[in-house]
Amino acid sequence: ICTSSGTVGPSLSFGTADAVVILGYPAALADAVATRIGNLIRSEEDLMKATEVAQDIPGVTGVLAIKNDTMSAWGAVELVPIKRRNGS
């Protein structure tokens, strides 16, 4: 599993995804794909196409991409609700 961001942290990115999470094997592949997919995302409209690109890469088993308040997900990504500390 690896995450790349164009808006958080000091790393250079050619995209502006808030987060791209890649599940895959080996880890070096997940890292490279997270960077590649993150570089493709500049707006919310890019999320679906970027996710489709990742789906076609052998070894990738899941994708989660977030830009602003929009996300796309595919594969072995499990989204679960979380409880806040105040119980809500």
N, C-alpha and C. Protein backbone atom coordinates (compact mmCIF):
# COMPACT_ATOMS: atom_id res chain seq x y z
N ILE A 1 0.85 -1.18 0.00
CA ILE A 1 0.00 0.00 0.00
C ILE A 1 0.89 1.23 0.00
N CYS A 2 0.49 2.23 -0.79
CA CYS A 2 1.26 3.46 -0.86
C CYS A 2 0.32 4.62 -1.13
N THR A 3 0.66 5.79 -0.60
CA THR A 3 -0.13 7.00 -0.81
C THR A 3 0.75 8.09 -1.38
N SER A 4 0.17 8.86 -2.32
CA SER A 4 0.85 10.01 -2.89
C SER A 4 -0.10 11.20 -2.83
N SER A 5 0.44 12.40 -2.62
CA SER A 5 -0.38 13.60 -2.55
C SER A 5 0.30 14.75 -3.26
N GLY A 6 -0.50 15.52 -3.98
CA GLY A 6 0.01 16.72 -4.62
C GLY A 6 -0.25 17.97 -3.79
N THR A 7 -0.95 17.82 -2.66
CA THR A 7 -1.30 18.98 -1.85
C THR A 7 -0.77 18.91 -0.42
N VAL A 8 -0.25 17.76 -0.01
CA VAL A 8 0.25 17.58 1.35
C VAL A 8 1.69 17.09 1.29
N GLY A 9 2.55 17.70 2.05
CA GLY A 9 3.93 17.24 2.12
C GLY A 9 4.84 17.93 1.12
N PRO A 10 6.15 17.70 1.26
CA PRO A 10 7.14 18.42 0.46
C PRO A 10 7.48 17.78 -0.88
N SER A 11 6.98 16.60 -1.16
CA SER A 11 7.37 15.90 -2.39
C SER A 11 6.85 16.61 -3.63
N LEU A 12 7.61 16.54 -4.71
CA LEU A 12 7.22 17.12 -5.99
C LEU A 12 6.15 16.26 -6.64
N SER A 13 5.07 16.89 -7.08
CA SER A 13 4.01 16.19 -7.80
C SER A 13 3.57 17.08 -8.95
N PHE A 14 3.26 16.47 -10.09
CA PHE A 14 2.77 17.22 -11.24
C PHE A 14 1.25 17.26 -11.28
N GLY A 15 0.61 16.68 -10.27
CA GLY A 15 -0.85 16.72 -10.15
C GLY A 15 -1.23 17.41 -8.86
N THR A 16 -2.54 17.52 -8.64
CA THR A 16 -3.02 18.18 -7.43
C THR A 16 -4.01 17.32 -6.65
N ALA A 17 -3.85 16.02 -6.74
CA ALA A 17 -4.71 15.12 -5.95
C ALA A 17 -4.42 15.34 -4.48
N ASP A 18 -5.47 15.30 -3.67
CA ASP A 18 -5.27 15.38 -2.23
C ASP A 18 -4.67 14.08 -1.70
N ALA A 19 -5.10 12.96 -2.27
CA ALA A 19 -4.51 11.66 -1.91
C ALA A 19 -4.83 10.64 -2.99
N VAL A 20 -3.84 9.83 -3.29
CA VAL A 20 -4.03 8.65 -4.13
C VAL A 20 -3.44 7.48 -3.36
N VAL A 21 -4.28 6.51 -3.04
CA VAL A 21 -3.85 5.33 -2.30
C VAL A 21 -3.91 4.15 -3.26
N ILE A 22 -2.80 3.42 -3.36
CA ILE A 22 -2.73 2.25 -4.24
C ILE A 22 -2.44 1.02 -3.39
N LEU A 23 -3.26 0.00 -3.58
CA LEU A 23 -3.00 -1.32 -3.00
C LEU A 23 -2.45 -2.18 -4.12
N GLY A 24 -1.31 -2.80 -3.88
CA GLY A 24 -0.71 -3.64 -4.91
C GLY A 24 0.55 -4.29 -4.41
N TYR A 25 1.07 -5.16 -5.25
CA TYR A 25 2.28 -5.90 -4.91
C TYR A 25 3.17 -5.96 -6.14
N PRO A 26 4.43 -5.71 -5.97
CA PRO A 26 5.18 -5.37 -4.76
C PRO A 26 4.98 -3.90 -4.36
N ALA A 27 5.49 -3.54 -3.19
CA ALA A 27 5.32 -2.19 -2.67
C ALA A 27 5.91 -1.14 -3.60
N ALA A 28 7.02 -1.47 -4.26
CA ALA A 28 7.63 -0.52 -5.20
C ALA A 28 6.67 -0.20 -6.35
N LEU A 29 5.90 -1.19 -6.78
CA LEU A 29 4.90 -0.96 -7.82
C LEU A 29 3.82 -0.01 -7.29
N ALA A 30 3.32 -0.27 -6.08
CA ALA A 30 2.29 0.59 -5.49
C ALA A 30 2.79 2.03 -5.38
N ASP A 31 4.04 2.21 -5.00
CA ASP A 31 4.63 3.54 -4.89
C ASP A 31 4.68 4.23 -6.25
N ALA A 32 5.15 3.53 -7.26
CA ALA A 32 5.26 4.11 -8.60
C ALA A 32 3.88 4.45 -9.17
N VAL A 33 2.92 3.57 -8.98
CA VAL A 33 1.57 3.80 -9.50
C VAL A 33 0.90 4.96 -8.77
N ALA A 34 1.08 5.06 -7.46
CA ALA A 34 0.51 6.18 -6.71
C ALA A 34 1.03 7.50 -7.26
N THR A 35 2.31 7.56 -7.55
CA THR A 35 2.89 8.78 -8.13
C THR A 35 2.32 9.05 -9.51
N ARG A 36 2.28 8.02 -10.35
CA ARG A 36 1.76 8.20 -11.71
C ARG A 36 0.31 8.67 -11.71
N ILE A 37 -0.53 8.01 -10.92
CA ILE A 37 -1.95 8.36 -10.89
C ILE A 37 -2.14 9.75 -10.29
N GLY A 38 -1.40 10.06 -9.25
CA GLY A 38 -1.48 11.40 -8.67
C GLY A 38 -1.13 12.49 -9.66
N ASN A 39 -0.16 12.21 -10.52
CA ASN A 39 0.24 13.19 -11.54
C ASN A 39 -0.84 13.42 -12.58
N LEU A 40 -1.76 12.48 -12.76
CA LEU A 40 -2.83 12.62 -13.74
C LEU A 40 -3.99 13.49 -13.25
N ILE A 41 -4.08 13.70 -11.94
CA ILE A 41 -5.26 14.35 -11.35
C ILE A 41 -4.98 15.83 -11.10
N ARG A 42 -5.77 16.67 -11.79
CA ARG A 42 -5.70 18.11 -11.59
C ARG A 42 -7.06 18.70 -11.21
N SER A 43 -8.12 17.92 -11.44
CA SER A 43 -9.47 18.35 -11.06
C SER A 43 -10.30 17.11 -10.73
N GLU A 44 -11.47 17.33 -10.17
CA GLU A 44 -12.36 16.22 -9.83
C GLU A 44 -12.72 15.39 -11.06
N GLU A 45 -12.79 16.05 -12.21
CA GLU A 45 -13.14 15.36 -13.45
C GLU A 45 -12.09 14.33 -13.87
N ASP A 46 -10.89 14.43 -13.35
CA ASP A 46 -9.80 13.50 -13.70
C ASP A 46 -9.84 12.21 -12.88
N LEU A 47 -10.62 12.16 -11.82
CA LEU A 47 -10.59 11.02 -10.90
C LEU A 47 -10.94 9.70 -11.57
N MET A 48 -12.02 9.66 -12.34
CA MET A 48 -12.47 8.40 -12.93
C MET A 48 -11.45 7.87 -13.94
N LYS A 49 -10.96 8.73 -14.82
CA LYS A 49 -9.99 8.29 -15.82
C LYS A 49 -8.71 7.80 -15.14
N ALA A 50 -8.25 8.52 -14.13
CA ALA A 50 -7.03 8.12 -13.42
C ALA A 50 -7.22 6.77 -12.75
N THR A 51 -8.39 6.54 -12.17
CA THR A 51 -8.68 5.26 -11.54
C THR A 51 -8.69 4.14 -12.58
N GLU A 52 -9.26 4.41 -13.75
CA GLU A 52 -9.28 3.42 -14.83
C GLU A 52 -7.87 3.07 -15.30
N VAL A 53 -6.98 4.06 -15.36
CA VAL A 53 -5.59 3.80 -15.75
C VAL A 53 -4.95 2.84 -14.75
N ALA A 54 -5.15 3.07 -13.46
CA ALA A 54 -4.57 2.21 -12.43
C ALA A 54 -5.11 0.79 -12.50
N GLN A 55 -6.40 0.64 -12.82
CA GLN A 55 -7.02 -0.68 -12.90
C GLN A 55 -6.33 -1.58 -13.93
N ASP A 56 -5.80 -0.97 -14.97
CA ASP A 56 -5.19 -1.74 -16.06
C ASP A 56 -3.74 -2.15 -15.80
N ILE A 57 -3.19 -1.78 -14.66
CA ILE A 57 -1.79 -2.10 -14.35
C ILE A 57 -1.74 -3.41 -13.57
N PRO A 58 -1.08 -4.45 -14.13
CA PRO A 58 -0.97 -5.73 -13.42
C PRO A 58 -0.30 -5.54 -12.06
N GLY A 59 -0.86 -6.17 -11.04
CA GLY A 59 -0.32 -6.06 -9.69
C GLY A 59 -1.09 -5.09 -8.82
N VAL A 60 -1.87 -4.20 -9.42
CA VAL A 60 -2.68 -3.25 -8.65
C VAL A 60 -3.99 -3.92 -8.28
N THR A 61 -4.31 -3.92 -6.98
CA THR A 61 -5.53 -4.57 -6.51
C THR A 61 -6.57 -3.59 -5.97
N GLY A 62 -6.19 -2.34 -5.78
CA GLY A 62 -7.14 -1.36 -5.29
C GLY A 62 -6.64 0.06 -5.47
N VAL A 63 -7.60 0.98 -5.63
CA VAL A 63 -7.29 2.40 -5.84
C VAL A 63 -8.29 3.24 -5.07
N LEU A 64 -7.79 4.28 -4.41
CA LEU A 64 -8.63 5.30 -3.80
C LEU A 64 -8.00 6.63 -4.16
N ALA A 65 -8.77 7.50 -4.83
CA ALA A 65 -8.25 8.81 -5.23
C ALA A 65 -9.19 9.89 -4.73
N ILE A 66 -8.62 10.95 -4.16
CA ILE A 66 -9.41 12.03 -3.58
C ILE A 66 -8.92 13.37 -4.11
N LYS A 67 -9.88 14.20 -4.54
CA LYS A 67 -9.61 15.58 -4.95
C LYS A 67 -10.72 16.44 -4.39
N ASN A 68 -10.37 17.38 -3.52
CA ASN A 68 -11.35 18.22 -2.83
C ASN A 68 -12.37 17.34 -2.11
N ASP A 69 -13.65 17.48 -2.39
CA ASP A 69 -14.65 16.67 -1.68
C ASP A 69 -15.19 15.52 -2.53
N THR A 70 -14.41 15.11 -3.54
CA THR A 70 -14.82 14.03 -4.44
C THR A 70 -13.79 12.91 -4.39
N MET A 71 -14.27 11.67 -4.48
CA MET A 71 -13.34 10.54 -4.49
C MET A 71 -13.82 9.47 -5.45
N SER A 72 -12.88 8.65 -5.87
CA SER A 72 -13.20 7.45 -6.64
C SER A 72 -12.48 6.29 -5.97
N ALA A 73 -13.08 5.11 -6.06
CA ALA A 73 -12.48 3.92 -5.45
C ALA A 73 -12.77 2.73 -6.33
N TRP A 74 -11.85 1.78 -6.31
CA TRP A 74 -11.99 0.55 -7.09
C TRP A 74 -11.21 -0.56 -6.40
N GLY A 75 -11.71 -1.78 -6.52
CA GLY A 75 -10.96 -2.95 -6.09
C GLY A 75 -11.04 -3.23 -4.61
N ALA A 76 -9.93 -3.70 -4.05
CA ALA A 76 -9.86 -4.19 -2.68
C ALA A 76 -9.74 -3.06 -1.66
N VAL A 77 -10.53 -2.02 -1.86
CA VAL A 77 -10.56 -0.89 -0.93
C VAL A 77 -11.84 -1.01 -0.12
N GLU A 78 -11.70 -1.06 1.19
CA GLU A 78 -12.87 -1.16 2.06
C GLU A 78 -13.08 0.17 2.77
N LEU A 79 -14.22 0.80 2.50
CA LEU A 79 -14.57 2.05 3.15
C LEU A 79 -15.50 1.73 4.32
N VAL A 80 -15.13 2.19 5.49
CA VAL A 80 -15.92 1.90 6.68
C VAL A 80 -16.18 3.20 7.43
N PRO A 81 -17.36 3.31 8.07
CA PRO A 81 -17.63 4.51 8.86
C PRO A 81 -16.75 4.52 10.11
N ILE A 82 -16.41 5.70 10.55
CA ILE A 82 -15.64 5.83 11.79
C ILE A 82 -16.47 6.60 12.81
N LYS A 83 -16.24 6.31 14.06
CA LYS A 83 -16.91 7.05 15.12
C LYS A 83 -15.97 8.13 15.61
N ARG A 84 -16.51 9.29 15.77
CA ARG A 84 -15.72 10.38 16.33
C ARG A 84 -15.56 10.16 17.83
N ARG A 85 -14.59 10.78 18.41
CA ARG A 85 -14.33 10.60 19.84
C ARG A 85 -15.50 11.04 20.71
N ASN A 86 -16.29 11.99 20.22
CA ASN A 86 -17.42 12.45 21.02
C ASN A 86 -18.63 11.52 20.87
N GLY A 87 -18.46 10.40 20.14
CA GLY A 87 -19.51 9.40 20.03
C GLY A 87 -20.44 9.56 18.86
N SER A 88 -20.31 10.63 18.08
CA SER A 88 -21.22 10.81 16.94
C SER A 88 -20.70 10.14 15.69
